[in-house]
Amino acid sequence: MATGSVKAVALITGATSVRGSLHFIQEPNGSTHVTGRISGLSPGLHGFHIHALGDTTNGCNSTGPHFNPLKKDHGAPCDNERHAGDLGNIIAGSDGVAEVSIKDLQVLTNNYRKGLDDSLSWFGFLSTFMILITPFLWMLESFSII
């Protein structure tokens, strides 16, 4: 991996009016900062997870489990023992908008690449993931490395 930051953008769409974009910036120290703005949510808490598959043919039933390449137990975002795709909750205000800002050392780092073809980057994996914000299922409409 290059010594500078690695960046990507995901546009979020779904069957409802939920829309938004998420920016993924992997810093040279290995942490990933996920930022973005999502609108069209009901006010309150929404679970924020990255699932293993980008298949939405059968709704949530076909997105697979949480992204968990190291086969860890479920846990809170601050736990070392947790699925890499467990990112906690986001909060939508009374206007239905959630501002996302999550720094994480597990979700999209190279730590999970052990045993995988080194030519693959986390962007290749992310393009097949599903981001699930309960109770809505969003599809990565487009994904770009910037």
C-alpha atoms as a PDB file:
ATOM      1  CA  MET A   1       0.000   0.000   0.000  1.00  0.00           C
ATOM      2  CA  ALA A   2       1.184   3.502  -0.710  1.00  0.00           C
ATOM      3  CA  THR A   3       2.473   5.617   2.127  1.00  0.00           C
ATOM      4  CA  GLY A   4      -0.244   8.289   1.704  1.00  0.00           C
ATOM      5  CA  SER A   5      -3.925   8.169   2.510  1.00  0.00           C
ATOM      6  CA  VAL A   6      -6.196   5.918   0.461  1.00  0.00           C
ATOM      7  CA  LYS A   7      -9.625   7.365  -0.343  1.00  0.00           C
ATOM      8  CA  ALA A   8     -12.942   6.100  -1.712  1.00  0.00           C
ATOM      9  CA  VAL A   9     -16.522   7.340  -2.003  1.00  0.00           C
ATOM     10  CA  ALA A  10     -19.738   5.292  -1.888  1.00  0.00           C
ATOM     11  CA  LEU A  11     -23.089   6.684  -3.050  1.00  0.00           C
ATOM     12  CA  ILE A  12     -26.000   5.216  -1.101  1.00  0.00           C
ATOM     13  CA  THR A  13     -29.440   4.533  -2.585  1.00  0.00           C
ATOM     14  CA  GLY A  14     -32.263   2.223  -1.708  1.00  0.00           C
ATOM     15  CA  ALA A  15     -35.876   1.364  -2.377  1.00  0.00           C
ATOM     16  CA  THR A  16     -36.945   4.226  -0.112  1.00  0.00           C
ATOM     17  CA  SER A  17     -36.078   7.917  -0.191  1.00  0.00           C
ATOM     18  CA  VAL A  18     -32.897   7.264   1.783  1.00  0.00           C
ATOM     19  CA  ARG A  19     -29.919   8.835   0.022  1.00  0.00           C
ATOM     20  CA  GLY A  20     -26.402   9.793   0.916  1.00  0.00           C
ATOM     21  CA  SER A  21     -22.719   9.414   0.425  1.00  0.00           C
ATOM     22  CA  LEU A  22     -19.951   7.967   2.531  1.00  0.00           C
ATOM     23  CA  HIS A  23     -16.270   8.783   2.254  1.00  0.00           C
ATOM     24  CA  PHE A  24     -13.674   6.229   3.340  1.00  0.00           C
ATOM     25  CA  ILE A  25     -10.186   7.504   4.072  1.00  0.00           C
ATOM     26  CA  GLN A  26      -7.576   5.014   5.203  1.00  0.00           C
ATOM     27  CA  GLU A  27      -4.729   6.855   6.888  1.00  0.00           C
ATOM     28  CA  PRO A  28      -1.111   5.654   6.683  1.00  0.00           C
ATOM     29  CA  ASN A  29      -1.352   4.564  10.359  1.00  0.00           C
ATOM     30  CA  GLY A  30      -4.013   2.019   9.379  1.00  0.00           C
ATOM     31  CA  SER A  31      -7.116   3.706  10.776  1.00  0.00           C
ATOM     32  CA  THR A  32     -10.065   4.336   8.491  1.00  0.00           C
ATOM     33  CA  HIS A  33     -12.237   7.434   8.820  1.00  0.00           C
ATOM     34  CA  VAL A  34     -15.782   7.028   7.506  1.00  0.00           C
ATOM     35  CA  THR A  35     -17.584  10.340   6.999  1.00  0.00           C
ATOM     36  CA  GLY A  36     -20.748  11.285   5.214  1.00  0.00           C
ATOM     37  CA  ARG A  37     -24.284  12.547   5.264  1.00  0.00           C
ATOM     38  CA  ILE A  38     -27.386  10.386   4.926  1.00  0.00           C
ATOM     39  CA  SER A  39     -30.911  11.773   4.538  1.00  0.00           C
ATOM     40  CA  GLY A  40     -34.397  10.285   4.474  1.00  0.00           C
ATOM     41  CA  LEU A  41     -34.049   8.352   7.736  1.00  0.00           C
ATOM     42  CA  SER A  42     -36.579   8.194  10.533  1.00  0.00           C
ATOM     43  CA  PRO A  43     -35.341  10.218  13.530  1.00  0.00           C
ATOM     44  CA  GLY A  44     -33.290   8.317  16.120  1.00  0.00           C
ATOM     45  CA  LEU A  45     -30.698   5.552  16.291  1.00  0.00           C
ATOM     46  CA  HIS A  46     -29.876   3.344  13.325  1.00  0.00           C
ATOM     47  CA  GLY A  47     -27.477   0.394  13.403  1.00  0.00           C
ATOM     48  CA  PHE A  48     -24.544   0.861  11.024  1.00  0.00           C
ATOM     49  CA  HIS A  49     -22.949  -2.304   9.644  1.00  0.00           C
ATOM     50  CA  ILE A  50     -20.979  -3.466   6.660  1.00  0.00           C
ATOM     51  CA  HIS A  51     -22.118  -6.868   5.438  1.00  0.00           C
ATOM     52  CA  ALA A  52     -20.046  -9.438   3.598  1.00  0.00           C
ATOM     53  CA  LEU A  53     -22.055  -9.513   0.367  1.00  0.00           C
ATOM     54  CA  GLY A  54     -23.496  -6.892  -1.951  1.00  0.00           C
ATOM     55  CA  ASP A  55     -26.373  -9.143  -3.019  1.00  0.00           C
ATOM     56  CA  THR A  56     -29.783  -7.520  -2.432  1.00  0.00           C
ATOM     57  CA  THR A  57     -31.892  -9.962  -4.452  1.00  0.00           C
ATOM     58  CA  ASN A  58     -33.601 -11.175  -1.268  1.00  0.00           C
ATOM     59  CA  GLY A  59     -33.314  -8.058   0.888  1.00  0.00           C
ATOM     60  CA  CYS A  60     -31.336  -8.447   4.096  1.00  0.00           C
ATOM     61  CA  ASN A  61     -31.453 -12.235   3.800  1.00  0.00           C
ATOM     62  CA  SER A  62     -28.992 -12.223   0.896  1.00  0.00           C
ATOM     63  CA  THR A  63     -26.437  -9.686   2.168  1.00  0.00           C
ATOM     64  CA  GLY A  64     -24.641 -12.282   4.241  1.00  0.00           C
ATOM     65  CA  PRO A  65     -23.239 -11.825   7.739  1.00  0.00           C
ATOM     66  CA  HIS A  66     -21.429  -8.781   9.044  1.00  0.00           C
ATOM     67  CA  PHE A  67     -18.015  -8.353   7.442  1.00  0.00           C
ATOM     68  CA  ASN A  68     -15.904 -10.574   9.714  1.00  0.00           C
ATOM     69  CA  PRO A  69     -12.750 -11.787   7.951  1.00  0.00           C
ATOM     70  CA  LEU A  70     -10.931 -12.602  11.195  1.00  0.00           C
ATOM     71  CA  LYS A  71     -13.823 -14.745  12.504  1.00  0.00           C
ATOM     72  CA  LYS A  72     -14.262 -12.768  15.728  1.00  0.00           C
ATOM     73  CA  ASP A  73     -17.285 -12.721  18.043  1.00  0.00           C
ATOM     74  CA  HIS A  74     -19.862  -9.940  17.866  1.00  0.00           C
ATOM     75  CA  GLY A  75     -18.958  -6.886  19.926  1.00  0.00           C
ATOM     76  CA  ALA A  76     -19.287  -3.152  20.356  1.00  0.00           C
ATOM     77  CA  PRO A  77     -17.352  -0.784  18.065  1.00  0.00           C
ATOM     78  CA  CYS A  78     -14.862  -0.024  20.855  1.00  0.00           C
ATOM     79  CA  ASP A  79     -14.115  -3.729  21.494  1.00  0.00           C
ATOM     80  CA  ASN A  80     -11.068  -5.466  20.041  1.00  0.00           C
ATOM     81  CA  GLU A  81     -13.120  -8.670  19.817  1.00  0.00           C
ATOM     82  CA  ARG A  82     -15.793  -7.791  17.256  1.00  0.00           C
ATOM     83  CA  HIS A  83     -16.771  -8.181  13.646  1.00  0.00           C
ATOM     84  CA  ALA A  84     -14.855  -5.699  11.495  1.00  0.00           C
ATOM     85  CA  GLY A  85     -18.200  -4.601  10.020  1.00  0.00           C
ATOM     86  CA  ASP A  86     -19.755  -3.696  13.390  1.00  0.00           C
ATOM     87  CA  LEU A  87     -19.667   0.092  13.346  1.00  0.00           C
ATOM     88  CA  GLY A  88     -22.234   0.865  16.044  1.00  0.00           C
ATOM     89  CA  ASN A  89     -25.040   3.353  15.565  1.00  0.00           C
ATOM     90  CA  ILE A  90     -25.625   6.594  13.755  1.00  0.00           C
ATOM     91  CA  ILE A  91     -28.225   9.118  14.900  1.00  0.00           C
ATOM     92  CA  ALA A  92     -30.669  10.840  12.570  1.00  0.00           C
ATOM     93  CA  GLY A  93     -32.010  14.165  13.763  1.00  0.00           C
ATOM     94  CA  SER A  94     -35.629  15.276  13.628  1.00  0.00           C
ATOM     95  CA  ASP A  95     -34.991  16.248   9.987  1.00  0.00           C
ATOM     96  CA  GLY A  96     -34.071  12.637   9.118  1.00  0.00           C
ATOM     97  CA  VAL A  97     -30.423  13.493   8.456  1.00  0.00           C
ATOM     98  CA  ALA A  98     -27.467  11.658  10.003  1.00  0.00           C
ATOM     99  CA  GLU A  99     -23.980  13.114   9.856  1.00  0.00           C
ATOM    100  CA  VAL A 100     -21.537  10.191   9.935  1.00  0.00           C
ATOM    101  CA  SER A 101     -18.036  10.394  11.399  1.00  0.00           C
ATOM    102  CA  ILE A 102     -16.516   7.104  12.512  1.00  0.00           C
ATOM    103  CA  LYS A 103     -12.814   6.379  13.016  1.00  0.00           C
ATOM    104  CA  ASP A 104     -12.035   2.693  13.126  1.00  0.00           C
ATOM    105  CA  LEU A 105      -8.930   0.510  13.238  1.00  0.00           C
ATOM    106  CA  GLN A 106     -10.601  -2.688  12.024  1.00  0.00           C
ATOM    107  CA  VAL A 107     -13.158  -2.126   9.293  1.00  0.00           C
ATOM    108  CA  LEU A 108     -11.027  -1.486   6.223  1.00  0.00           C
ATOM    109  CA  THR A 109      -7.450  -2.006   7.243  1.00  0.00           C
ATOM    110  CA  ASN A 110      -4.953  -4.397   5.766  1.00  0.00           C
ATOM    111  CA  ASN A 111      -5.090  -6.507   8.951  1.00  0.00           C
ATOM    112  CA  TYR A 112      -7.668  -8.850   7.419  1.00  0.00           C
ATOM    113  CA  ARG A 113      -5.684  -9.531   4.265  1.00  0.00           C
ATOM    114  CA  LYS A 114      -3.571 -12.325   5.745  1.00  0.00           C
ATOM    115  CA  GLY A 115      -3.770 -15.312   3.449  1.00  0.00           C
ATOM    116  CA  LEU A 116      -5.382 -13.341   0.638  1.00  0.00           C
ATOM    117  CA  ASP A 117      -3.874 -12.455  -2.707  1.00  0.00           C
ATOM    118  CA  ASP A 118      -1.747  -9.381  -2.014  1.00  0.00           C
ATOM    119  CA  SER A 119      -2.862  -7.855  -5.295  1.00  0.00           C
ATOM    120  CA  LEU A 120      -6.291  -7.273  -3.752  1.00  0.00           C
ATOM    121  CA  SER A 121      -6.933  -4.064  -1.865  1.00  0.00           C
ATOM    122  CA  TRP A 122      -9.759  -3.340   0.525  1.00  0.00           C
ATOM    123  CA  PHE A 123     -11.423  -1.353  -2.268  1.00  0.00           C
ATOM    124  CA  GLY A 124     -11.913  -4.569  -4.201  1.00  0.00           C
ATOM    125  CA  PHE A 125     -13.636  -6.094  -1.207  1.00  0.00           C
ATOM    126  CA  LEU A 126     -15.661  -2.989  -0.385  1.00  0.00           C
ATOM    127  CA  SER A 127     -17.165  -2.891  -3.851  1.00  0.00           C
ATOM    128  CA  THR A 128     -18.932  -6.177  -3.064  1.00  0.00           C
ATOM    129  CA  PHE A 129     -20.024  -5.262   0.462  1.00  0.00           C
ATOM    130  CA  MET A 130     -23.425  -4.104   1.556  1.00  0.00           C
ATOM    131  CA  ILE A 131     -23.816  -1.240   3.966  1.00  0.00           C
ATOM    132  CA  LEU A 132     -26.846  -1.849   6.151  1.00  0.00           C
ATOM    133  CA  ILE A 133     -28.357   0.902   8.219  1.00  0.00           C
ATOM    134  CA  THR A 134     -31.290  -0.628  10.035  1.00  0.00           C
ATOM    135  CA  PRO A 135     -34.129  -0.636   9.208  1.00  0.00           C
ATOM    136  CA  PHE A 136     -33.120   0.328   5.674  1.00  0.00           C
ATOM    137  CA  LEU A 137     -31.028  -1.637   3.225  1.00  0.00           C
ATOM    138  CA  TRP A 138     -28.866   0.551   1.035  1.00  0.00           C
ATOM    139  CA  MET A 139     -27.019  -0.407  -2.058  1.00  0.00           C
ATOM    140  CA  LEU A 140     -23.647   0.914  -3.057  1.00  0.00           C
ATOM    141  CA  GLU A 141     -24.767   2.565  -6.278  1.00  0.00           C
ATOM    142  CA  SER A 142     -21.307   3.645  -7.248  1.00  0.00           C
ATOM    143  CA  PHE A 143     -17.915   3.363  -5.725  1.00  0.00           C
ATOM    144  CA  SER A 144     -14.872   5.349  -6.739  1.00  0.00           C
ATOM    145  CA  ILE A 145     -11.276   5.457  -5.636  1.00  0.00           C
ATOM    146  CA  ILE A 146     -10.210   9.098  -5.442  1.00  0.00           C
END
